[in-house]
Amino acid sequence: MRRSANPAGRAAARRCCSAAASRNRSLGRAPGIGTRCLLLDEPFEGIAPVLSERLSEVLASLKGGDLTLLMSQSDMNHSRGLIDVEFTIERGANVVS
């Protein structure tokens, strides 16, 4: 297992950020490092409404490029305008596509 040169910095990073903040930070880094597929699990869950709007804007700006976005979402209110294809899965089976 590889360890960071600065364990204190790692611990501070874990303390200062909520799960939503950590998710947003990761999302912000992904396009800059050459990511071709971005897998998001409930990206709008647990974030403030103003951040939800901003996240929608950022994801919309990524559309049309060379990036594939795969998103799991239980509440489609935030993501309807962002997706090209929707699959509804219930109890492990694809019920609508």
C-alpha atoms as a PDB file:
ATOM      1  CA  MET A   1       0.000   0.000   0.000  1.00  0.00           C
ATOM      2  CA  ARG A   2       1.421   3.347  -1.008  1.00  0.00           C
ATOM      3  CA  ARG A   3       1.561   6.028   1.668  1.00  0.00           C
ATOM      4  CA  SER A   4       1.534   9.768   1.212  1.00  0.00           C
ATOM      5  CA  ALA A   5       4.666  11.663   2.140  1.00  0.00           C
ATOM      6  CA  ASN A   6       2.522  13.845   4.390  1.00  0.00           C
ATOM      7  CA  PRO A   7       0.260  11.765   6.669  1.00  0.00           C
ATOM      8  CA  ALA A   8      -0.784  14.872   8.608  1.00  0.00           C
ATOM      9  CA  GLY A   9      -2.049  16.436   5.382  1.00  0.00           C
ATOM     10  CA  ARG A  10      -4.107  13.341   4.605  1.00  0.00           C
ATOM     11  CA  ALA A  11      -5.706  13.412   8.044  1.00  0.00           C
ATOM     12  CA  ALA A  12      -6.488  17.117   7.728  1.00  0.00           C
ATOM     13  CA  ALA A  13      -8.123  16.560   4.339  1.00  0.00           C
ATOM     14  CA  ARG A  14     -10.363  13.852   5.809  1.00  0.00           C
ATOM     15  CA  ARG A  15     -11.429  16.080   8.711  1.00  0.00           C
ATOM     16  CA  CYS A  16     -12.206  19.234   6.766  1.00  0.00           C
ATOM     17  CA  CYS A  17     -14.544  17.921   4.100  1.00  0.00           C
ATOM     18  CA  SER A  18     -17.989  16.416   4.124  1.00  0.00           C
ATOM     19  CA  ALA A  19     -18.802  13.564   1.769  1.00  0.00           C
ATOM     20  CA  ALA A  20     -20.517  16.031  -0.568  1.00  0.00           C
ATOM     21  CA  ALA A  21     -17.505  18.371  -0.557  1.00  0.00           C
ATOM     22  CA  SER A  22     -15.156  15.484  -1.226  1.00  0.00           C
ATOM     23  CA  ARG A  23     -17.364  14.303  -4.101  1.00  0.00           C
ATOM     24  CA  ASN A  24     -17.447  17.798  -5.595  1.00  0.00           C
ATOM     25  CA  ARG A  25     -13.671  18.128  -5.301  1.00  0.00           C
ATOM     26  CA  SER A  26     -13.202  14.806  -7.116  1.00  0.00           C
ATOM     27  CA  LEU A  27     -15.658  15.862  -9.806  1.00  0.00           C
ATOM     28  CA  GLY A  28     -13.736  19.087 -10.325  1.00  0.00           C
ATOM     29  CA  ARG A  29     -10.439  17.233 -10.782  1.00  0.00           C
ATOM     30  CA  ALA A  30     -11.672  14.521 -13.161  1.00  0.00           C
ATOM     31  CA  PRO A  31     -11.881  16.457 -16.461  1.00  0.00           C
ATOM     32  CA  GLY A  32      -8.464  17.997 -15.917  1.00  0.00           C
ATOM     33  CA  ILE A  33      -6.620  14.695 -15.719  1.00  0.00           C
ATOM     34  CA  GLY A  34      -7.749  13.248 -19.033  1.00  0.00           C
ATOM     35  CA  THR A  35     -10.733  11.276 -17.792  1.00  0.00           C
ATOM     36  CA  ARG A  36     -12.802   9.758 -20.596  1.00  0.00           C
ATOM     37  CA  CYS A  37     -15.531   8.165 -18.491  1.00  0.00           C
ATOM     38  CA  LEU A  38     -16.969   9.744 -15.371  1.00  0.00           C
ATOM     39  CA  LEU A  39     -19.021   7.458 -13.120  1.00  0.00           C
ATOM     40  CA  LEU A  40     -21.206   9.354 -10.638  1.00  0.00           C
ATOM     41  CA  ASP A  41     -23.219   7.664  -7.899  1.00  0.00           C
ATOM     42  CA  GLU A  42     -26.026   9.957  -6.696  1.00  0.00           C
ATOM     43  CA  PRO A  43     -24.112  13.182  -7.434  1.00  0.00           C
ATOM     44  CA  PHE A  44     -26.956  15.431  -6.238  1.00  0.00           C
ATOM     45  CA  GLU A  45     -27.562  13.569  -2.975  1.00  0.00           C
ATOM     46  CA  GLY A  46     -26.820  15.539   0.169  1.00  0.00           C
ATOM     47  CA  ILE A  47     -25.746  18.833  -1.388  1.00  0.00           C
ATOM     48  CA  ALA A  48     -27.276  22.270  -0.937  1.00  0.00           C
ATOM     49  CA  PRO A  49     -29.723  23.455  -3.623  1.00  0.00           C
ATOM     50  CA  VAL A  50     -27.354  26.191  -4.816  1.00  0.00           C
ATOM     51  CA  LEU A  51     -24.562  23.621  -5.242  1.00  0.00           C
ATOM     52  CA  SER A  52     -26.991  21.328  -7.016  1.00  0.00           C
ATOM     53  CA  GLU A  53     -27.696  24.049  -9.569  1.00  0.00           C
ATOM     54  CA  ARG A  54     -23.976  24.690 -10.050  1.00  0.00           C
ATOM     55  CA  LEU A  55     -23.277  20.970 -10.427  1.00  0.00           C
ATOM     56  CA  SER A  56     -25.974  20.772 -13.107  1.00  0.00           C
ATOM     57  CA  GLU A  57     -24.286  23.646 -14.952  1.00  0.00           C
ATOM     58  CA  VAL A  58     -20.866  21.984 -14.755  1.00  0.00           C
ATOM     59  CA  LEU A  59     -22.180  18.623 -15.960  1.00  0.00           C
ATOM     60  CA  ALA A  60     -24.081  20.322 -18.801  1.00  0.00           C
ATOM     61  CA  SER A  61     -20.857  22.067 -19.866  1.00  0.00           C
ATOM     62  CA  LEU A  62     -19.124  18.674 -20.112  1.00  0.00           C
ATOM     63  CA  LYS A  63     -21.781  17.338 -22.469  1.00  0.00           C
ATOM     64  CA  GLY A  64     -20.836  16.996 -26.092  1.00  0.00           C
ATOM     65  CA  GLY A  65     -17.127  16.511 -25.496  1.00  0.00           C
ATOM     66  CA  ASP A  66     -15.165  13.281 -25.433  1.00  0.00           C
ATOM     67  CA  LEU A  67     -16.381  12.489 -21.933  1.00  0.00           C
ATOM     68  CA  THR A  68     -18.861   9.702 -21.219  1.00  0.00           C
ATOM     69  CA  LEU A  69     -20.955  10.348 -18.135  1.00  0.00           C
ATOM     70  CA  LEU A  70     -22.650   7.438 -16.374  1.00  0.00           C
ATOM     71  CA  MET A  71     -24.840   8.460 -13.468  1.00  0.00           C
ATOM     72  CA  SER A  72     -26.935   6.534 -10.956  1.00  0.00           C
ATOM     73  CA  GLN A  73     -29.729   8.681  -9.613  1.00  0.00           C
ATOM     74  CA  SER A  74     -32.822   7.845  -7.578  1.00  0.00           C
ATOM     75  CA  ASP A  75     -34.355  11.315  -7.998  1.00  0.00           C
ATOM     76  CA  MET A  76     -34.326  12.446 -11.627  1.00  0.00           C
ATOM     77  CA  ASN A  77     -35.410  16.049 -10.879  1.00  0.00           C
ATOM     78  CA  HIS A  78     -31.855  17.388 -11.091  1.00  0.00           C
ATOM     79  CA  SER A  79     -30.575  15.278 -13.946  1.00  0.00           C
ATOM     80  CA  ARG A  80     -33.378  15.074 -16.540  1.00  0.00           C
ATOM     81  CA  GLY A  81     -31.877  17.771 -18.773  1.00  0.00           C
ATOM     82  CA  LEU A  82     -28.388  16.305 -18.521  1.00  0.00           C
ATOM     83  CA  ILE A  83     -28.942  12.803 -19.842  1.00  0.00           C
ATOM     84  CA  ASP A  84     -29.231  11.417 -23.359  1.00  0.00           C
ATOM     85  CA  VAL A  85     -30.334   7.898 -22.438  1.00  0.00           C
ATOM     86  CA  GLU A  86     -32.176   6.784 -19.313  1.00  0.00           C
ATOM     87  CA  PHE A  87     -32.448   3.261 -17.943  1.00  0.00           C
ATOM     88  CA  THR A  88     -34.749   2.535 -15.011  1.00  0.00           C
ATOM     89  CA  ILE A  89     -33.675  -0.404 -12.905  1.00  0.00           C
ATOM     90  CA  GLU A  90     -35.817  -1.944 -10.189  1.00  0.00           C
ATOM     91  CA  ARG A  91     -34.669  -4.891  -8.126  1.00  0.00           C
ATOM     92  CA  GLY A  92     -31.824  -5.575 -10.530  1.00  0.00           C
ATOM     93  CA  ALA A  93     -33.894  -5.636 -13.719  1.00  0.00           C
ATOM     94  CA  ASN A  94     -34.056  -3.018 -16.466  1.00  0.00           C
ATOM     95  CA  VAL A  95     -37.750  -2.040 -16.554  1.00  0.00           C
ATOM     96  CA  VAL A  96     -37.626   1.037 -18.838  1.00  0.00           C
ATOM     97  CA  SER A  97     -35.080   2.270 -21.373  1.00  0.00           C
END
